[in-house]
PDB file of all heavy atoms in Angstrom:
ATOM      1  N   GLN A   1     102.480  59.368  -7.237  1.00  0.00           N
ATOM      2  CA  GLN A   1     102.102  60.702  -7.707  1.00  0.00           C
ATOM      3  C   GLN A   1     100.597  60.870  -7.585  1.00  0.00           C
ATOM      4  O   GLN A   1      99.832  59.958  -7.922  1.00  0.00           O
ATOM      5  CB  GLN A   1     102.551  60.892  -9.160  1.00  0.00           C
ATOM      6  CG  GLN A   1     104.044  60.721  -9.346  1.00  0.00           C
ATOM      7  CD  GLN A   1     104.445  60.758 -10.803  1.00  0.00           C
ATOM      8  OE1 GLN A   1     103.794  61.395 -11.628  1.00  0.00           O
ATOM      9  NE2 GLN A   1     105.527  60.075 -11.130  1.00  0.00           N
ATOM     10  N   LEU A   2     100.188  62.023  -7.099  1.00  0.00           N
ATOM     11  CA  LEU A   2      98.763  62.312  -6.915  1.00  0.00           C
ATOM     12  C   LEU A   2      98.352  63.411  -7.898  1.00  0.00           C
ATOM     13  O   LEU A   2      98.838  64.551  -7.828  1.00  0.00           O
ATOM     14  CB  LEU A   2      98.477  62.748  -5.476  1.00  0.00           C
ATOM     15  CG  LEU A   2      97.014  62.891  -5.069  1.00  0.00           C
ATOM     16  CD1 LEU A   2      96.884  62.812  -3.540  1.00  0.00           C
ATOM     17  CD2 LEU A   2      96.372  64.206  -5.549  1.00  0.00           C
ATOM     18  N   TYR A   3      97.491  63.062  -8.827  1.00  0.00           N
ATOM     19  CA  TYR A   3      96.927  64.018  -9.779  1.00  0.00           C
ATOM     20  C   TYR A   3      95.462  64.235  -9.434  1.00  0.00           C
ATOM     21  O   TYR A   3      94.794  63.338  -8.886  1.00  0.00           O
ATOM     22  CB  TYR A   3      97.037  63.498 -11.204  1.00  0.00           C
ATOM     23  CG  TYR A   3      98.455  63.339 -11.694  1.00  0.00           C
ATOM     24  CD1 TYR A   3      99.157  62.159 -11.463  1.00  0.00           C
ATOM     25  CD2 TYR A   3      99.099  64.350 -12.386  1.00  0.00           C
ATOM     26  CE1 TYR A   3     100.477  62.010 -11.902  1.00  0.00           C
ATOM     27  CE2 TYR A   3     100.403  64.209 -12.828  1.00  0.00           C
ATOM     28  CZ  TYR A   3     101.081  63.035 -12.583  1.00  0.00           C
ATOM     29  OH  TYR A   3     102.382  62.894 -13.013  1.00  0.00           O
ATOM     30  N   VAL A   4      94.972  65.409  -9.755  1.00  0.00           N
ATOM     31  CA  VAL A   4      93.542  65.697  -9.599  1.00  0.00           C
ATOM     32  C   VAL A   4      92.985  65.982 -10.993  1.00  0.00           C
ATOM     33  O   VAL A   4      93.441  66.908 -11.679  1.00  0.00           O
ATOM     34  CB  VAL A   4      93.295  66.879  -8.676  1.00  0.00           C
ATOM     35  CG1 VAL A   4      91.785  67.204  -8.628  1.00  0.00           C
ATOM     36  CG2 VAL A   4      93.800  66.576  -7.257  1.00  0.00           C
ATOM     37  N   ARG A   5      92.030  65.146 -11.393  1.00  0.00           N
ATOM     38  CA  ARG A   5      91.320  65.398 -12.652  1.00  0.00           C
ATOM     39  C   ARG A   5      90.225  66.416 -12.382  1.00  0.00           C
ATOM     40  O   ARG A   5      89.401  66.231 -11.483  1.00  0.00           O
ATOM     41  CB  ARG A   5      90.759  64.109 -13.219  1.00  0.00           C
ATOM     42  CG  ARG A   5      89.949  64.316 -14.497  1.00  0.00           C
ATOM     43  CD  ARG A   5      89.591  63.011 -15.176  1.00  0.00           C
ATOM     44  NE  ARG A   5      90.721  62.536 -15.981  1.00  0.00           N
ATOM     45  CZ  ARG A   5      91.360  61.397 -15.784  1.00  0.00           C
ATOM     46  NH1 ARG A   5      91.006  60.594 -14.783  1.00  0.00           N
ATOM     47  NH2 ARG A   5      92.374  61.025 -16.555  1.00  0.00           N
ATOM     48  N   ASN A   6      90.235  67.503 -13.124  1.00  0.00           N
ATOM     49  CA  ASN A   6      89.301  68.586 -12.860  1.00  0.00           C
ATOM     50  C   ASN A   6      87.861  68.177 -13.194  1.00  0.00           C
ATOM     51  O   ASN A   6      87.611  67.377 -14.081  1.00  0.00           O
ATOM     52  CB  ASN A   6      89.684  69.818 -13.680  1.00  0.00           C
ATOM     53  CG  ASN A   6      90.884  70.534 -13.086  1.00  0.00           C
ATOM     54  OD1 ASN A   6      90.837  70.992 -11.947  1.00  0.00           O
ATOM     55  ND2 ASN A   6      91.964  70.635 -13.846  1.00  0.00           N
ATOM     56  N   ALA A   7      86.930  68.776 -12.447  1.00  0.00           N
ATOM     57  CA  ALA A   7      85.514  68.551 -12.697  1.00  0.00           C
ATOM     58  C   ALA A   7      85.143  69.169 -14.055  1.00  0.00           C
ATOM     59  O   ALA A   7      85.794  70.122 -14.512  1.00  0.00           O
ATOM     60  CB  ALA A   7      84.682  69.168 -11.589  1.00  0.00           C
ATOM     61  N   PRO A   8      84.127  68.637 -14.726  1.00  0.00           N
ATOM     62  CA  PRO A   8      83.663  69.275 -15.960  1.00  0.00           C
ATOM     63  C   PRO A   8      83.381  70.740 -15.723  1.00  0.00           C
ATOM     64  O   PRO A   8      82.738  71.125 -14.749  1.00  0.00           O
ATOM     65  CB  PRO A   8      82.382  68.490 -16.300  1.00  0.00           C
ATOM     66  CG  PRO A   8      82.577  67.150 -15.650  1.00  0.00           C
ATOM     67  CD  PRO A   8      83.342  67.438 -14.383  1.00  0.00           C
ATOM     68  N   SER A   9      83.854  71.586 -16.632  1.00  0.00           N
ATOM     69  CA  SER A   9      83.789  73.026 -16.381  1.00  0.00           C
ATOM     70  C   SER A   9      83.709  73.779 -17.698  1.00  0.00           C
ATOM     71  O   SER A   9      84.158  73.306 -18.754  1.00  0.00           O
ATOM     72  CB  SER A   9      85.032  73.466 -15.597  1.00  0.00           C
ATOM     73  OG  SER A   9      85.091  74.874 -15.466  1.00  0.00           O
ATOM     74  N   ALA A  10      83.142  75.001 -17.628  1.00  0.00           N
ATOM     75  CA  ALA A  10      83.124  75.886 -18.771  1.00  0.00           C
ATOM     76  C   ALA A  10      84.410  76.698 -18.867  1.00  0.00           C
ATOM     77  O   ALA A  10      84.605  77.449 -19.824  1.00  0.00           O
ATOM     78  CB  ALA A  10      81.921  76.825 -18.681  1.00  0.00           C
ATOM     79  N   VAL A  11      85.278  76.543 -17.874  1.00  0.00           N
ATOM     80  CA  VAL A  11      86.548  77.296 -17.823  1.00  0.00           C
ATOM     81  C   VAL A  11      87.671  76.440 -18.404  1.00  0.00           C
ATOM     82  O   VAL A  11      87.692  75.219 -18.220  1.00  0.00           O
ATOM     83  CB  VAL A  11      86.870  77.694 -16.368  1.00  0.00           C
ATOM     84  CG1 VAL A  11      88.155  78.486 -16.290  1.00  0.00           C
ATOM     85  CG2 VAL A  11      85.722  78.498 -15.786  1.00  0.00           C
ATOM     86  N   PHE A  12      88.623  77.078 -19.102  1.00  0.00           N
ATOM     87  CA  PHE A  12      89.775  76.354 -19.647  1.00  0.00           C
ATOM     88  C   PHE A  12      90.595  75.765 -18.491  1.00  0.00           C
ATOM     89  O   PHE A  12      91.106  76.502 -17.649  1.00  0.00           O
ATOM     90  CB  PHE A  12      90.680  77.281 -20.453  1.00  0.00           C
ATOM     91  CG  PHE A  12      90.019  77.857 -21.691  1.00  0.00           C
ATOM     92  CD1 PHE A  12      90.573  78.953 -22.315  1.00  0.00           C
ATOM     93  CD2 PHE A  12      88.872  77.308 -22.207  1.00  0.00           C
ATOM     94  CE1 PHE A  12      89.979  79.496 -23.459  1.00  0.00           C
ATOM     95  CE2 PHE A  12      88.276  77.840 -23.332  1.00  0.00           C
ATOM     96  CZ  PHE A  12      88.835  78.943 -23.957  1.00  0.00           C
ATOM     97  N   LYS A  13      90.730  74.451 -18.466  1.00  0.00           N
ATOM     98  CA  LYS A  13      91.553  73.803 -17.438  1.00  0.00           C
ATOM     99  C   LYS A  13      92.244  72.584 -18.045  1.00  0.00           C
ATOM    100  O   LYS A  13      91.770  72.015 -19.034  1.00  0.00           O
ATOM    101  CB  LYS A  13      90.697  73.326 -16.251  1.00  0.00           C
ATOM    102  CG  LYS A  13      90.059  74.434 -15.427  1.00  0.00           C
ATOM    103  CD  LYS A  13      89.274  73.828 -14.271  1.00  0.00           C
ATOM    104  CE  LYS A  13      88.611  74.893 -13.410  1.00  0.00           C
ATOM    105  NZ  LYS A  13      87.845  74.293 -12.297  1.00  0.00           N
ATOM    106  N   ALA A  14      93.347  72.179 -17.411  1.00  0.00           N
ATOM    107  CA  ALA A  14      93.992  70.935 -17.820  1.00  0.00           C
ATOM    108  C   ALA A  14      93.105  69.758 -17.429  1.00  0.00           C
ATOM    109  O   ALA A  14      92.295  69.853 -16.515  1.00  0.00           O
ATOM    110  CB  ALA A  14      95.368  70.816 -17.144  1.00  0.00           C
ATOM    111  N   ASP A  15      93.283  68.624 -18.122  1.00  0.00           N
ATOM    112  CA  ASP A  15      92.518  67.428 -17.771  1.00  0.00           C
ATOM    113  C   ASP A  15      92.812  67.018 -16.344  1.00  0.00           C
ATOM    114  O   ASP A  15      91.901  66.784 -15.548  1.00  0.00           O
ATOM    115  CB  ASP A  15      92.860  66.295 -18.741  1.00  0.00           C
ATOM    116  CG  ASP A  15      92.199  64.987 -18.333  1.00  0.00           C
ATOM    117  OD1 ASP A  15      90.956  64.968 -18.230  1.00  0.00           O
ATOM    118  OD2 ASP A  15      92.911  63.992 -18.124  1.00  0.00           O
ATOM    119  N   LYS A  16      94.091  66.904 -15.991  1.00  0.00           N
ATOM    120  CA  LYS A  16      94.490  66.609 -14.616  1.00  0.00           C
ATOM    121  C   LYS A  16      95.818  67.299 -14.317  1.00  0.00           C
ATOM    122  O   LYS A  16      96.617  67.538 -15.210  1.00  0.00           O
ATOM    123  CB  LYS A  16      94.574  65.096 -14.364  1.00  0.00           C
ATOM    124  CG  LYS A  16      95.510  64.328 -15.261  1.00  0.00           C
ATOM    125  CD  LYS A  16      95.458  62.837 -14.889  1.00  0.00           C
ATOM    126  CE  LYS A  16      96.346  61.983 -15.774  1.00  0.00           C
ATOM    127  NZ  LYS A  16      95.867  61.867 -17.156  1.00  0.00           N
ATOM    128  N   GLU A  17      96.022  67.589 -13.029  1.00  0.00           N
ATOM    129  CA  GLU A  17      97.200  68.341 -12.595  1.00  0.00           C
ATOM    130  C   GLU A  17      97.834  67.675 -11.384  1.00  0.00           C
ATOM    131  O   GLU A  17      97.132  67.167 -10.504  1.00  0.00           O
ATOM    132  CB  GLU A  17      96.812  69.783 -12.261  1.00  0.00           C
ATOM    133  CG  GLU A  17      96.205  70.536 -13.447  1.00  0.00           C
ATOM    134  CD  GLU A  17      95.690  71.916 -13.043  1.00  0.00           C
ATOM    135  OE1 GLU A  17      96.506  72.855 -13.009  1.00  0.00           O
ATOM    136  OE2 GLU A  17      94.487  72.039 -12.757  1.00  0.00           O
ATOM    137  N   LEU A  18      99.168  67.712 -11.331  1.00  0.00           N
ATOM    138  CA  LEU A  18      99.903  67.128 -10.206  1.00  0.00           C
ATOM    139  C   LEU A  18      99.683  67.976  -8.960  1.00  0.00           C
ATOM    140  O   LEU A  18      99.904  69.189  -8.980  1.00  0.00           O
ATOM    141  CB  LEU A  18     101.391  67.038 -10.544  1.00  0.00           C
ATOM    142  CG  LEU A  18     102.282  66.414  -9.470  1.00  0.00           C
ATOM    143  CD1 LEU A  18     101.986  64.929  -9.325  1.00  0.00           C
ATOM    144  CD2 LEU A  18     103.752  66.631  -9.808  1.00  0.00           C
ATOM    145  N   ARG A  19      99.257  67.352  -7.848  1.00  0.00           N
ATOM    146  CA  ARG A  19      99.008  68.069  -6.615  1.00  0.00           C
ATOM    147  C   ARG A  19      99.857  67.567  -5.454  1.00  0.00           C
ATOM    148  O   ARG A  19      99.827  68.152  -4.382  1.00  0.00           O
ATOM    149  CB  ARG A  19      97.525  67.934  -6.232  1.00  0.00           C
ATOM    150  CG  ARG A  19      96.583  68.616  -7.212  1.00  0.00           C
ATOM    151  CD  ARG A  19      96.876  70.093  -7.341  1.00  0.00           C
ATOM    152  NE  ARG A  19      96.000  70.740  -8.310  1.00  0.00           N
ATOM    153  CZ  ARG A  19      96.197  71.963  -8.769  1.00  0.00           C
ATOM    154  NH1 ARG A  19      97.235  72.659  -8.338  1.00  0.00           N
ATOM    155  NH2 ARG A  19      95.372  72.488  -9.633  1.00  0.00           N
ATOM    156  N   GLY A  20     100.607  66.498  -5.635  1.00  0.00           N
ATOM    157  CA  GLY A  20     101.473  66.000  -4.567  1.00  0.00           C
ATOM    158  C   GLY A  20     102.112  64.693  -4.967  1.00  0.00           C
ATOM    159  O   GLY A  20     101.709  64.041  -5.933  1.00  0.00           O
ATOM    160  N   PHE A  21     103.143  64.304  -4.208  1.00  0.00           N
ATOM    161  CA  PHE A  21     103.800  63.029  -4.444  1.00  0.00           C
ATOM    162  C   PHE A  21     104.545  62.631  -3.179  1.00  0.00           C
ATOM    163  O   PHE A  21     104.831  63.458  -2.316  1.00  0.00           O
ATOM    164  CB  PHE A  21     104.753  63.085  -5.641  1.00  0.00           C
ATOM    165  CG  PHE A  21     105.868  64.092  -5.511  1.00  0.00           C
ATOM    166  CD1 PHE A  21     107.083  63.755  -4.949  1.00  0.00           C
ATOM    167  CD2 PHE A  21     105.681  65.401  -5.954  1.00  0.00           C
ATOM    168  CE1 PHE A  21     108.096  64.697  -4.813  1.00  0.00           C
ATOM    169  CE2 PHE A  21     106.677  66.344  -5.824  1.00  0.00           C
ATOM    170  CZ  PHE A  21     107.898  65.984  -5.259  1.00  0.00           C
ATOM    171  N   ALA A  22     104.864  61.357  -3.084  1.00  0.00           N
ATOM    172  CA  ALA A  22     105.610  60.846  -1.928  1.00  0.00           C
ATOM    173  C   ALA A  22     106.403  59.627  -2.363  1.00  0.00           C
ATOM    174  O   ALA A  22     105.885  58.753  -3.061  1.00  0.00           O
ATOM    175  CB  ALA A  22     104.663  60.486  -0.785  1.00  0.00           C
ATOM    176  N   LYS A  23     107.665  59.576  -1.925  1.00  0.00           N
ATOM    177  CA  LYS A  23     108.527  58.418  -2.223  1.00  0.00           C
ATOM    178  C   LYS A  23     108.637  57.559  -0.961  1.00  0.00           C
ATOM    179  O   LYS A  23     108.919  58.077   0.124  1.00  0.00           O
ATOM    180  CB  LYS A  23     109.912  58.883  -2.665  1.00  0.00           C
ATOM    181  CG  LYS A  23     110.827  57.741  -3.091  1.00  0.00           C
ATOM    182  CD  LYS A  23     112.136  58.277  -3.654  1.00  0.00           C
ATOM    183  CE  LYS A  23     113.038  57.165  -4.143  1.00  0.00           C
ATOM    184  NZ  LYS A  23     114.312  57.677  -4.709  1.00  0.00           N
ATOM    185  N   VAL A  24     108.423  56.264  -1.122  1.00  0.00           N
ATOM    186  CA  VAL A  24     108.424  55.371   0.023  1.00  0.00           C
ATOM    187  C   VAL A  24     109.239  54.119  -0.285  1.00  0.00           C
ATOM    188  O   VAL A  24     109.064  53.495  -1.327  1.00  0.00           O
ATOM    189  CB  VAL A  24     106.969  54.984   0.406  1.00  0.00           C
ATOM    190  CG1 VAL A  24     106.239  54.359  -0.763  1.00  0.00           C
ATOM    191  CG2 VAL A  24     106.947  54.052   1.606  1.00  0.00           C
ATOM    192  N   PRO A  25     110.199  53.747   0.609  1.00  0.00           N
ATOM    193  CA  PRO A  25     110.919  52.482   0.431  1.00  0.00           C
ATOM    194  C   PRO A  25     110.049  51.328   0.946  1.00  0.00           C
ATOM    195  O   PRO A  25     109.416  51.434   2.000  1.00  0.00           O
ATOM    196  CB  PRO A  25     112.166  52.672   1.284  1.00  0.00           C
ATOM    197  CG  PRO A  25     111.761  53.659   2.332  1.00  0.00           C
ATOM    198  CD  PRO A  25     110.713  54.560   1.730  1.00  0.00           C
ATOM    199  N   VAL A  26     110.057  50.217   0.211  1.00  0.00           N
ATOM    200  CA  VAL A  26     109.264  49.053   0.591  1.00  0.00           C
ATOM    201  C   VAL A  26     110.097  47.795   0.381  1.00  0.00           C
ATOM    202  O   VAL A  26     110.636  47.565  -0.704  1.00  0.00           O
ATOM    203  CB  VAL A  26     107.967  48.954  -0.268  1.00  0.00           C
ATOM    204  CG1 VAL A  26     107.058  47.857   0.299  1.00  0.00           C
ATOM    205  CG2 VAL A  26     107.228  50.276  -0.310  1.00  0.00           C
ATOM    206  N   ARG A  27     110.208  46.987   1.412  1.00  0.00           N
ATOM    207  CA  ARG A  27     110.943  45.729   1.300  1.00  0.00           C
ATOM    208  C   ARG A  27     110.183  44.728   0.419  1.00  0.00           C
ATOM    209  O   ARG A  27     108.962  44.806   0.284  1.00  0.00           O
ATOM    210  CB  ARG A  27     111.173  45.114   2.678  1.00  0.00           C
ATOM    211  CG  ARG A  27     112.150  45.896   3.542  1.00  0.00           C
ATOM    212  CD  ARG A  27     112.482  45.129   4.822  1.00  0.00           C
ATOM    213  NE  ARG A  27     113.513  45.812   5.591  1.00  0.00           N
ATOM    214  CZ  ARG A  27     114.826  45.681   5.359  1.00  0.00           C
ATOM    215  NH1 ARG A  27     115.233  44.868   4.382  1.00  0.00           N
ATOM    216  NH2 ARG A  27     115.708  46.317   6.093  1.00  0.00           N
ATOM    217  N   ALA A  28     110.917  43.807  -0.188  1.00  0.00           N
ATOM    218  CA  ALA A  28     110.296  42.795  -1.039  1.00  0.00           C
ATOM    219  C   ALA A  28     109.233  42.022  -0.264  1.00  0.00           C
ATOM    220  O   ALA A  28     109.475  41.554   0.866  1.00  0.00           O
ATOM    221  CB  ALA A  28     111.367  41.835  -1.561  1.00  0.00           C
ATOM    222  N   GLY A  29     108.040  41.973  -0.833  1.00  0.00           N
ATOM    223  CA  GLY A  29     106.943  41.272  -0.180  1.00  0.00           C
ATOM    224  C   GLY A  29     106.242  42.072   0.893  1.00  0.00           C
ATOM    225  O   GLY A  29     105.215  41.627   1.424  1.00  0.00           O
ATOM    226  N   GLY A  30     106.768  43.233   1.237  1.00  0.00           N
ATOM    227  CA  GLY A  30     106.183  44.065   2.289  1.00  0.00           C
ATOM    228  C   GLY A  30     105.260  45.130   1.755  1.00  0.00           C
ATOM    229  O   GLY A  30     105.037  45.259   0.546  1.00  0.00           O
TER     230      GLY A  30
END
């Protein structure tokens, strides 16, 4: 999961927001 933590700001924003994700199969040890 890829989150982006927002830069310090005078505007109301969430601390971090989900911007993308990717599922990947990986063999044991690989």
